[in-house]
C-alpha atoms as a PDB file:
ATOM      1  CA  MET A   1     213.822 121.133  39.059  1.00  0.00           C
ATOM      2  CA  ALA A   2     213.033 123.970  36.692  1.00  0.00           C
ATOM      3  CA  PRO A   3     212.865 127.574  37.958  1.00  0.00           C
ATOM      4  CA  PHE A   4     209.422 128.844  38.896  1.00  0.00           C
ATOM      5  CA  THR A   5     207.632 132.181  38.723  1.00  0.00           C
ATOM      6  CA  SER A   6     206.247 134.022  41.742  1.00  0.00           C
ATOM      7  CA  GLN A   7     202.746 133.222  40.442  1.00  0.00           C
ATOM      8  CA  GLU A   8     203.582 129.501  40.352  1.00  0.00           C
ATOM      9  CA  LEU A   9     204.983 129.767  43.876  1.00  0.00           C
ATOM     10  CA  ARG A  10     201.780 131.500  45.060  1.00  0.00           C
ATOM     11  CA  LYS A  11     199.702 128.673  43.541  1.00  0.00           C
ATOM     12  CA  GLY A  12     201.959 126.094  45.179  1.00  0.00           C
ATOM     13  CA  PHE A  13     201.631 127.817  48.565  1.00  0.00           C
ATOM     14  CA  SER A  14     197.834 127.788  48.168  1.00  0.00           C
ATOM     15  CA  SER A  15     197.919 123.986  48.523  1.00  0.00           C
ATOM     16  CA  PHE A  16     198.702 124.473  52.204  1.00  0.00           C
ATOM     17  CA  ALA A  17     195.429 125.104  54.056  1.00  0.00           C
ATOM     18  CA  THR A  18     195.563 127.744  56.780  1.00  0.00           C
ATOM     19  CA  GLY A  19     193.226 129.185  59.334  1.00  0.00           C
ATOM     20  CA  VAL A  20     192.132 132.784  58.846  1.00  0.00           C
ATOM     21  CA  THR A  21     192.726 135.470  61.439  1.00  0.00           C
ATOM     22  CA  VAL A  22     192.074 139.161  61.828  1.00  0.00           C
ATOM     23  CA  ILE A  23     194.620 140.969  63.958  1.00  0.00           C
ATOM     24  CA  THR A  24     193.640 144.233  65.630  1.00  0.00           C
ATOM     25  CA  CYS A  25     195.937 146.880  67.048  1.00  0.00           C
ATOM     26  CA  LEU A  26     195.996 150.508  68.135  1.00  0.00           C
ATOM     27  CA  ASP A  27     198.040 153.258  66.485  1.00  0.00           C
ATOM     28  CA  THR A  28     199.842 156.041  68.377  1.00  0.00           C
ATOM     29  CA  GLN A  29     196.587 158.039  68.588  1.00  0.00           C
ATOM     30  CA  ASN A  30     194.749 154.950  69.975  1.00  0.00           C
ATOM     31  CA  HIS A  31     192.755 154.498  66.754  1.00  0.00           C
ATOM     32  CA  PRO A  32     191.895 150.840  66.092  1.00  0.00           C
ATOM     33  CA  HIS A  33     193.030 148.993  62.970  1.00  0.00           C
ATOM     34  CA  GLY A  34     192.560 145.441  61.745  1.00  0.00           C
ATOM     35  CA  ILE A  35     194.125 143.254  59.080  1.00  0.00           C
ATOM     36  CA  THR A  36     193.380 139.766  57.764  1.00  0.00           C
ATOM     37  CA  ILE A  37     196.322 137.385  58.151  1.00  0.00           C
ATOM     38  CA  SER A  38     196.607 133.710  57.212  1.00  0.00           C
ATOM     39  CA  SER A  39     200.295 133.413  58.109  1.00  0.00           C
ATOM     40  CA  PHE A  40     199.583 132.645  61.794  1.00  0.00           C
ATOM     41  CA  ASN A  41     201.457 129.801  63.502  1.00  0.00           C
ATOM     42  CA  THR A  42     202.150 128.493  66.984  1.00  0.00           C
ATOM     43  CA  VAL A  43     205.770 128.529  68.135  1.00  0.00           C
ATOM     44  CA  SER A  44     206.058 127.501  71.785  1.00  0.00           C
ATOM     45  CA  LEU A  45     204.029 126.523  74.838  1.00  0.00           C
ATOM     46  CA  GLU A  46     206.738 127.640  77.301  1.00  0.00           C
ATOM     47  CA  PRO A  47     206.852 130.546  76.946  1.00  0.00           C
ATOM     48  CA  PRO A  48     203.537 130.844  75.045  1.00  0.00           C
ATOM     49  CA  LEU A  49     204.592 132.235  71.649  1.00  0.00           C
ATOM     50  CA  ILE A  50     202.972 132.630  68.248  1.00  0.00           C
ATOM     51  CA  LEU A  51     204.235 134.100  64.989  1.00  0.00           C
ATOM     52  CA  TRP A  52     202.681 135.753  61.990  1.00  0.00           C
ATOM     53  CA  SER A  53     203.981 137.863  59.130  1.00  0.00           C
ATOM     54  CA  LEU A  54     203.187 141.233  57.599  1.00  0.00           C
ATOM     55  CA  LYS A  55     204.547 143.000  54.523  1.00  0.00           C
ATOM     56  CA  LYS A  56     207.621 145.000  55.536  1.00  0.00           C
ATOM     57  CA  HIS A  57     206.209 148.200  54.055  1.00  0.00           C
ATOM     58  CA  SER A  58     202.689 147.889  55.466  1.00  0.00           C
ATOM     59  CA  ARG A  59     201.531 151.170  56.961  1.00  0.00           C
ATOM     60  CA  LEU A  60     200.397 149.143  59.987  1.00  0.00           C
ATOM     61  CA  MET A  61     203.892 147.759  60.723  1.00  0.00           C
ATOM     62  CA  PRO A  62     204.779 150.476  63.293  1.00  0.00           C
ATOM     63  CA  ASN A  63     201.809 149.279  65.395  1.00  0.00           C
ATOM     64  CA  PHE A  64     203.340 145.809  65.724  1.00  0.00           C
ATOM     65  CA  GLU A  65     206.890 146.658  66.780  1.00  0.00           C
ATOM     66  CA  VAL A  66     208.405 145.108  69.938  1.00  0.00           C
ATOM     67  CA  GLY A  67     206.336 145.946  73.023  1.00  0.00           C
ATOM     68  CA  HIS A  68     203.127 146.646  71.083  1.00  0.00           C
ATOM     69  CA  LYS A  69     199.999 144.638  71.804  1.00  0.00           C
ATOM     70  CA  GLN A  70     197.660 143.010  69.343  1.00  0.00           C
ATOM     71  CA  LEU A  71     194.524 140.887  69.505  1.00  0.00           C
ATOM     72  CA  ILE A  72     194.454 137.892  67.184  1.00  0.00           C
ATOM     73  CA  HIS A  73     190.977 136.679  66.214  1.00  0.00           C
ATOM     74  CA  VAL A  74     190.538 133.198  64.733  1.00  0.00           C
ATOM     75  CA  LEU A  75     187.585 133.573  62.393  1.00  0.00           C
ATOM     76  CA  GLU A  76     184.550 131.324  62.498  1.00  0.00           C
ATOM     77  CA  ARG A  77     183.472 129.439  59.376  1.00  0.00           C
ATOM     78  CA  SER A  78     180.661 131.932  58.624  1.00  0.00           C
ATOM     79  CA  GLN A  79     182.964 134.997  58.807  1.00  0.00           C
ATOM     80  CA  GLU A  80     184.248 135.003  55.223  1.00  0.00           C
ATOM     81  CA  ALA A  81     182.847 138.529  54.686  1.00  0.00           C
ATOM     82  CA  MET A  82     184.781 139.658  57.789  1.00  0.00           C
ATOM     83  CA  ALA A  83     188.000 138.234  56.343  1.00  0.00           C
ATOM     84  CA  MET A  84     187.433 140.095  53.070  1.00  0.00           C
ATOM     85  CA  HIS A  85     186.510 143.320  54.903  1.00  0.00           C
ATOM     86  CA  PHE A  86     189.828 143.414  56.776  1.00  0.00           C
ATOM     87  CA  ALA A  87     191.877 142.187  53.789  1.00  0.00           C
ATOM     88  CA  THR A  88     192.254 145.810  52.670  1.00  0.00           C
ATOM     89  CA  VAL A  89     193.267 148.661  54.944  1.00  0.00           C
ATOM     90  CA  LYS A  90     190.609 151.358  55.071  1.00  0.00           C
ATOM     91  CA  GLU A  91     189.444 154.176  57.322  1.00  0.00           C
ATOM     92  CA  ASN A  92     186.784 153.515  59.963  1.00  0.00           C
ATOM     93  CA  GLN A  93     187.134 149.763  59.599  1.00  0.00           C
ATOM     94  CA  PHE A  94     184.911 148.946  62.554  1.00  0.00           C
ATOM     95  CA  VAL A  95     181.761 150.783  61.428  1.00  0.00           C
ATOM     96  CA  ASN A  96     179.014 148.146  61.076  1.00  0.00           C
ATOM     97  CA  ILE A  97     181.325 145.453  62.499  1.00  0.00           C
ATOM     98  CA  PRO A  98     180.035 143.930  65.755  1.00  0.00           C
ATOM     99  CA  HIS A  99     182.786 144.561  68.289  1.00  0.00           C
ATOM    100  CA  GLN A 100     183.611 145.614  71.808  1.00  0.00           C
ATOM    101  CA  ILE A 101     186.616 147.089  73.556  1.00  0.00           C
ATOM    102  CA  ALA A 102     188.519 144.448  75.508  1.00  0.00           C
ATOM    103  CA  ALA A 103     190.012 145.153  78.953  1.00  0.00           C
ATOM    104  CA  SER A 104     193.359 145.722  77.191  1.00  0.00           C
ATOM    105  CA  GLY A 105     191.835 148.579  75.153  1.00  0.00           C
ATOM    106  CA  LEU A 106     192.125 146.575  71.934  1.00  0.00           C
ATOM    107  CA  THR A 107     189.139 146.151  69.636  1.00  0.00           C
ATOM    108  CA  GLN A 108     187.587 142.687  69.880  1.00  0.00           C
ATOM    109  CA  ILE A 109     185.440 141.497  66.966  1.00  0.00           C
ATOM    110  CA  GLU A 110     182.448 139.471  68.090  1.00  0.00           C
ATOM    111  CA  GLY A 111     181.708 135.896  67.042  1.00  0.00           C
ATOM    112  CA  CYS A 112     185.229 134.552  66.546  1.00  0.00           C
ATOM    113  CA  ILE A 113     186.183 131.078  67.753  1.00  0.00           C
ATOM    114  CA  ALA A 114     189.418 132.094  69.500  1.00  0.00           C
ATOM    115  CA  TYR A 115     191.134 135.239  70.733  1.00  0.00           C
ATOM    116  CA  TYR A 116     194.802 135.635  71.631  1.00  0.00           C
ATOM    117  CA  GLU A 117     195.879 138.866  73.285  1.00  0.00           C
ATOM    118  CA  CYS A 118     199.593 139.169  72.554  1.00  0.00           C
ATOM    119  CA  GLU A 119     202.605 141.445  72.861  1.00  0.00           C
ATOM    120  CA  THR A 120     205.334 141.540  70.223  1.00  0.00           C
ATOM    121  CA  VAL A 121     208.638 140.226  71.609  1.00  0.00           C
ATOM    122  CA  SER A 122     210.688 140.234  68.393  1.00  0.00           C
ATOM    123  CA  VAL A 123     210.501 141.158  64.717  1.00  0.00           C
ATOM    124  CA  HIS A 124     212.620 139.407  62.082  1.00  0.00           C
ATOM    125  CA  THR A 125     213.084 140.209  58.415  1.00  0.00           C
ATOM    126  CA  GLY A 126     211.951 137.432  56.088  1.00  0.00           C
ATOM    127  CA  GLY A 127     212.217 138.515  52.444  1.00  0.00           C
ATOM    128  CA  ASP A 128     209.501 141.064  51.675  1.00  0.00           C
ATOM    129  CA  HIS A 129     207.759 140.446  55.028  1.00  0.00           C
ATOM    130  CA  ASN A 130     208.488 140.907  58.713  1.00  0.00           C
ATOM    131  CA  ILE A 131     207.998 137.880  60.949  1.00  0.00           C
ATOM    132  CA  ILE A 132     206.391 138.987  64.185  1.00  0.00           C
ATOM    133  CA  VAL A 133     206.894 136.805  67.241  1.00  0.00           C
ATOM    134  CA  ALA A 134     204.463 137.583  70.032  1.00  0.00           C
ATOM    135  CA  LYS A 135     203.897 136.309  73.560  1.00  0.00           C
ATOM    136  CA  VAL A 136     200.348 135.214  74.351  1.00  0.00           C
ATOM    137  CA  LEU A 137     199.162 137.154  77.413  1.00  0.00           C
ATOM    138  CA  ASN A 138     195.559 136.019  77.498  1.00  0.00           C
ATOM    139  CA  LEU A 139     193.290 133.738  75.494  1.00  0.00           C
ATOM    140  CA  LYS A 140     189.675 132.763  75.063  1.00  0.00           C
ATOM    141  CA  HIS A 141     188.360 130.051  72.747  1.00  0.00           C
ATOM    142  CA  ASP A 142     185.244 128.125  71.802  1.00  0.00           C
ATOM    143  CA  PRO A 143     186.178 124.425  71.572  1.00  0.00           C
ATOM    144  CA  GLU A 144     183.010 123.745  69.543  1.00  0.00           C
ATOM    145  CA  GLY A 145     183.665 126.522  67.010  1.00  0.00           C
ATOM    146  CA  GLN A 146     184.198 125.738  63.331  1.00  0.00           C
ATOM    147  CA  PRO A 147     187.188 127.630  61.859  1.00  0.00           C
ATOM    148  CA  LEU A 148     187.292 129.444  58.536  1.00  0.00           C
ATOM    149  CA  ILE A 149     189.974 127.877  56.333  1.00  0.00           C
ATOM    150  CA  PHE A 150     191.793 129.304  53.308  1.00  0.00           C
ATOM    151  CA  ALA A 151     193.116 126.886  50.664  1.00  0.00           C
ATOM    152  CA  HIS A 152     193.546 126.963  46.880  1.00  0.00           C
ATOM    153  CA  SER A 153     192.903 130.751  47.002  1.00  0.00           C
ATOM    154  CA  LYS A 154     189.399 130.390  48.419  1.00  0.00           C
ATOM    155  CA  PHE A 155     187.624 130.114  51.745  1.00  0.00           C
ATOM    156  CA  VAL A 156     186.418 126.701  52.859  1.00  0.00           C
ATOM    157  CA  GLY A 157     185.131 125.074  56.012  1.00  0.00           C
ATOM    158  CA  LEU A 158     185.804 121.759  57.654  1.00  0.00           C
ATOM    159  CA  ASP A 159     183.218 119.293  58.855  1.00  0.00           C
ATOM    160  CA  PHE A 160     184.272 117.915  62.246  1.00  0.00           C
ATOM    161  CA  THR A 161     181.317 115.561  62.599  1.00  0.00           C
END
């Protein structure tokens, strides 16, 4: 096979459809932050583990180190604007975003089809990203919900009927 460019690799990766999540956390001053992630994956049922990845040099990385909690939101098909909103880190991210504070103290965005409250158990280097492995502590999901999907560099939905 011929060598490929990073742009060609990105296009190739886009052929793999993924769900879209927003992950919320708290910083050391208990300020909430959120970030859109499509690199979410299940790892294990026993113990209940998931993984996701974040750029190594993200300013949010310290909030996801071992022992830190996060709330993973699986976005609903109609939440494309929410995905785009959290795709860039900005101040006061939750203004005009329907949310509540969960029992854990983490910010919970309303209207998602699944929520996984997790705690980071390990962080591994993977190229220019860190792979975060987290234990699921609590979950809530809507079995009838329609997930937002990302494929070929655009948002799509699935029809389960």
